[in-house]
């Protein structure tokens, strides 16, 4: 997971530095959310293997549903972290801004579920 967090933070920094003049803040945030989704989906097999390996402790009945929840949590937290970074890292996003992030992520739920459950 630490490797994924580092890649995610590198992506935030790259996108912010290279696109801030071309994209609005909302477009930048959506791009970061989308990149986070892609990074999480790329690790789908690793997540499923980890759940299978640790299932005696986790006791997961529906592995793909568990992985879906894991990815959703990652993406939501990633979006909030990205927005905090865009705000200079000095303040957390407001509840309204967090709702906007949630809406950005939720509109991608059909694609996320499709990619998880098509395997």
C-alpha atoms as a PDB file:
ATOM      1  CA  UNK A   1       0.000   0.000   0.000  1.00  0.00           C
ATOM      2  CA  UNK A   2       2.827   2.447   0.740  1.00  0.00           C
ATOM      3  CA  UNK A   3       4.013   2.139  -2.858  1.00  0.00           C
ATOM      4  CA  UNK A   4       0.504   2.991  -4.074  1.00  0.00           C
ATOM      5  CA  UNK A   5       0.377   6.049  -1.802  1.00  0.00           C
ATOM      6  CA  UNK A   6       3.737   7.252  -3.124  1.00  0.00           C
ATOM      7  CA  UNK A   7       2.613   6.788  -6.730  1.00  0.00           C
ATOM      8  CA  UNK A   8      -0.589   8.613  -5.927  1.00  0.00           C
ATOM      9  CA  UNK A   9       1.233  11.571  -4.346  1.00  0.00           C
ATOM     10  CA  UNK A  10       3.645  11.671  -7.294  1.00  0.00           C
ATOM     11  CA  UNK A  11       0.650  11.781  -9.646  1.00  0.00           C
ATOM     12  CA  UNK A  12      -0.929  14.626  -7.663  1.00  0.00           C
ATOM     13  CA  UNK A  13       2.262  16.642  -7.786  1.00  0.00           C
ATOM     14  CA  UNK A  14       2.759  15.962 -11.491  1.00  0.00           C
ATOM     15  CA  UNK A  15      -0.812  16.799 -12.450  1.00  0.00           C
ATOM     16  CA  UNK A  16      -0.894  19.904 -10.328  1.00  0.00           C
ATOM     17  CA  UNK A  17       2.411  21.274 -11.638  1.00  0.00           C
ATOM     18  CA  UNK A  18       1.779  20.446 -15.284  1.00  0.00           C
ATOM     19  CA  UNK A  19      -1.905  21.183 -15.668  1.00  0.00           C
ATOM     20  CA  UNK A  20      -2.707  24.037 -13.339  1.00  0.00           C
ATOM     21  CA  UNK A  21      -2.629  26.628 -16.145  1.00  0.00           C
ATOM     22  CA  UNK A  22      -4.695  24.491 -18.522  1.00  0.00           C
ATOM     23  CA  UNK A  23      -7.340  23.019 -16.231  1.00  0.00           C
ATOM     24  CA  UNK A  24      -9.736  24.432 -13.695  1.00  0.00           C
ATOM     25  CA  UNK A  25      -9.416  23.254 -10.097  1.00  0.00           C
ATOM     26  CA  UNK A  26     -12.416  20.984 -10.543  1.00  0.00           C
ATOM     27  CA  UNK A  27     -10.952  19.482 -13.730  1.00  0.00           C
ATOM     28  CA  UNK A  28      -7.634  18.911 -11.955  1.00  0.00           C
ATOM     29  CA  UNK A  29      -9.410  17.209  -9.086  1.00  0.00           C
ATOM     30  CA  UNK A  30     -11.433  14.981 -11.428  1.00  0.00           C
ATOM     31  CA  UNK A  31      -8.217  14.024 -13.252  1.00  0.00           C
ATOM     32  CA  UNK A  32      -6.622  13.080  -9.936  1.00  0.00           C
ATOM     33  CA  UNK A  33      -9.681  11.059  -8.907  1.00  0.00           C
ATOM     34  CA  UNK A  34      -9.609   9.251 -12.266  1.00  0.00           C
ATOM     35  CA  UNK A  35      -5.860   8.564 -11.959  1.00  0.00           C
ATOM     36  CA  UNK A  36      -6.378   7.212  -8.448  1.00  0.00           C
ATOM     37  CA  UNK A  37      -9.092   4.883  -9.741  1.00  0.00           C
ATOM     38  CA  UNK A  38      -6.782   3.640 -12.493  1.00  0.00           C
ATOM     39  CA  UNK A  39      -3.939   3.031 -10.029  1.00  0.00           C
ATOM     40  CA  UNK A  40      -6.256   1.128  -7.709  1.00  0.00           C
ATOM     41  CA  UNK A  41      -7.675  -0.994 -10.548  1.00  0.00           C
ATOM     42  CA  UNK A  42      -4.115  -1.842 -11.664  1.00  0.00           C
ATOM     43  CA  UNK A  43      -3.605  -3.397  -8.217  1.00  0.00           C
ATOM     44  CA  UNK A  44      -6.819  -5.403  -8.282  1.00  0.00           C
ATOM     45  CA  UNK A  45      -5.075  -8.787  -8.429  1.00  0.00           C
ATOM     46  CA  UNK A  46      -2.808  -7.831  -5.523  1.00  0.00           C
ATOM     47  CA  UNK A  47      -5.793  -6.799  -3.402  1.00  0.00           C
ATOM     48  CA  UNK A  48      -7.648 -10.019  -4.174  1.00  0.00           C
ATOM     49  CA  UNK A  49      -4.577 -12.135  -3.435  1.00  0.00           C
ATOM     50  CA  UNK A  50      -4.063 -10.315  -0.134  1.00  0.00           C
ATOM     51  CA  UNK A  51      -7.669 -10.940   0.882  1.00  0.00           C
ATOM     52  CA  UNK A  52      -7.368 -14.611  -0.082  1.00  0.00           C
ATOM     53  CA  UNK A  53      -4.132 -14.923   1.888  1.00  0.00           C
ATOM     54  CA  UNK A  54      -5.513 -13.141   4.961  1.00  0.00           C
ATOM     55  CA  UNK A  55      -9.068 -14.401   4.794  1.00  0.00           C
ATOM     56  CA  UNK A  56      -8.647 -16.552   7.903  1.00  0.00           C
ATOM     57  CA  UNK A  57      -8.362 -13.234   9.794  1.00  0.00           C
ATOM     58  CA  UNK A  58     -10.612 -11.061   7.613  1.00  0.00           C
ATOM     59  CA  UNK A  59     -13.371 -13.657   7.140  1.00  0.00           C
ATOM     60  CA  UNK A  60     -14.538 -12.024   3.902  1.00  0.00           C
ATOM     61  CA  UNK A  61     -17.425 -13.781   2.167  1.00  0.00           C
ATOM     62  CA  UNK A  62     -17.576 -11.697  -1.009  1.00  0.00           C
ATOM     63  CA  UNK A  63     -14.008 -10.862  -1.997  1.00  0.00           C
ATOM     64  CA  UNK A  64     -14.899  -8.648  -4.943  1.00  0.00           C
ATOM     65  CA  UNK A  65     -17.339  -6.602  -2.826  1.00  0.00           C
ATOM     66  CA  UNK A  66     -14.623  -6.208  -0.195  1.00  0.00           C
ATOM     67  CA  UNK A  67     -12.131  -5.054  -2.838  1.00  0.00           C
ATOM     68  CA  UNK A  68     -14.734  -2.645  -4.231  1.00  0.00           C
ATOM     69  CA  UNK A  69     -15.102  -1.094  -0.770  1.00  0.00           C
ATOM     70  CA  UNK A  70     -11.346  -0.918  -0.378  1.00  0.00           C
ATOM     71  CA  UNK A  71     -10.943   0.871  -3.701  1.00  0.00           C
ATOM     72  CA  UNK A  72     -13.813   3.264  -2.968  1.00  0.00           C
ATOM     73  CA  UNK A  73     -12.242   4.188   0.357  1.00  0.00           C
ATOM     74  CA  UNK A  74      -8.871   4.741  -1.290  1.00  0.00           C
ATOM     75  CA  UNK A  75     -10.311   6.945  -4.005  1.00  0.00           C
ATOM     76  CA  UNK A  76     -12.454   9.020  -1.642  1.00  0.00           C
ATOM     77  CA  UNK A  77      -9.561   9.584   0.739  1.00  0.00           C
ATOM     78  CA  UNK A  78      -7.257  10.272  -2.195  1.00  0.00           C
ATOM     79  CA  UNK A  79      -9.606  12.935  -3.543  1.00  0.00           C
ATOM     80  CA  UNK A  80      -9.836  14.632  -0.159  1.00  0.00           C
ATOM     81  CA  UNK A  81      -6.041  14.501   0.214  1.00  0.00           C
ATOM     82  CA  UNK A  82      -5.567  15.910  -3.284  1.00  0.00           C
ATOM     83  CA  UNK A  83      -7.884  18.814  -2.587  1.00  0.00           C
ATOM     84  CA  UNK A  84      -6.119  19.523   0.704  1.00  0.00           C
ATOM     85  CA  UNK A  85      -2.831  19.558  -1.229  1.00  0.00           C
ATOM     86  CA  UNK A  86      -4.308  21.887  -3.844  1.00  0.00           C
ATOM     87  CA  UNK A  87      -5.318  24.223  -1.006  1.00  0.00           C
ATOM     88  CA  UNK A  88      -1.702  24.408   0.089  1.00  0.00           C
ATOM     89  CA  UNK A  89      -1.938  21.653   2.692  1.00  0.00           C
ATOM     90  CA  UNK A  90      -2.972  24.147   5.347  1.00  0.00           C
ATOM     91  CA  UNK A  91      -6.644  23.246   5.661  1.00  0.00           C
ATOM     92  CA  UNK A  92      -8.929  20.316   5.138  1.00  0.00           C
ATOM     93  CA  UNK A  93     -11.655  20.489   2.500  1.00  0.00           C
ATOM     94  CA  UNK A  94     -14.989  21.757   3.773  1.00  0.00           C
ATOM     95  CA  UNK A  95     -17.934  19.347   4.067  1.00  0.00           C
ATOM     96  CA  UNK A  96     -19.321  20.835   0.825  1.00  0.00           C
ATOM     97  CA  UNK A  97     -16.018  20.221  -0.964  1.00  0.00           C
ATOM     98  CA  UNK A  98     -15.926  16.663   0.381  1.00  0.00           C
ATOM     99  CA  UNK A  99     -19.441  16.144  -0.988  1.00  0.00           C
ATOM    100  CA  UNK A 100     -18.243  17.360  -4.391  1.00  0.00           C
ATOM    101  CA  UNK A 101     -15.400  14.829  -4.268  1.00  0.00           C
ATOM    102  CA  UNK A 102     -17.845  12.098  -3.273  1.00  0.00           C
ATOM    103  CA  UNK A 103     -20.025  13.003  -6.263  1.00  0.00           C
ATOM    104  CA  UNK A 104     -16.990  12.859  -8.586  1.00  0.00           C
ATOM    105  CA  UNK A 105     -16.156   9.385  -7.312  1.00  0.00           C
ATOM    106  CA  UNK A 106     -19.751   8.120  -7.270  1.00  0.00           C
ATOM    107  CA  UNK A 107     -20.268   8.986 -10.932  1.00  0.00           C
ATOM    108  CA  UNK A 108     -17.456   6.511 -11.685  1.00  0.00           C
ATOM    109  CA  UNK A 109     -18.969   3.679  -9.599  1.00  0.00           C
ATOM    110  CA  UNK A 110     -20.482   1.822 -12.600  1.00  0.00           C
ATOM    111  CA  UNK A 111     -17.085   1.724 -14.346  1.00  0.00           C
ATOM    112  CA  UNK A 112     -15.273   0.696 -11.156  1.00  0.00           C
ATOM    113  CA  UNK A 113     -17.751  -2.114 -10.448  1.00  0.00           C
ATOM    114  CA  UNK A 114     -17.618  -3.298 -14.053  1.00  0.00           C
ATOM    115  CA  UNK A 115     -13.827  -3.569 -13.997  1.00  0.00           C
ATOM    116  CA  UNK A 116     -13.764  -5.369 -10.659  1.00  0.00           C
ATOM    117  CA  UNK A 117     -16.534  -7.833 -11.429  1.00  0.00           C
ATOM    118  CA  UNK A 118     -15.575  -8.584 -15.036  1.00  0.00           C
ATOM    119  CA  UNK A 119     -12.551 -10.589 -13.865  1.00  0.00           C
END
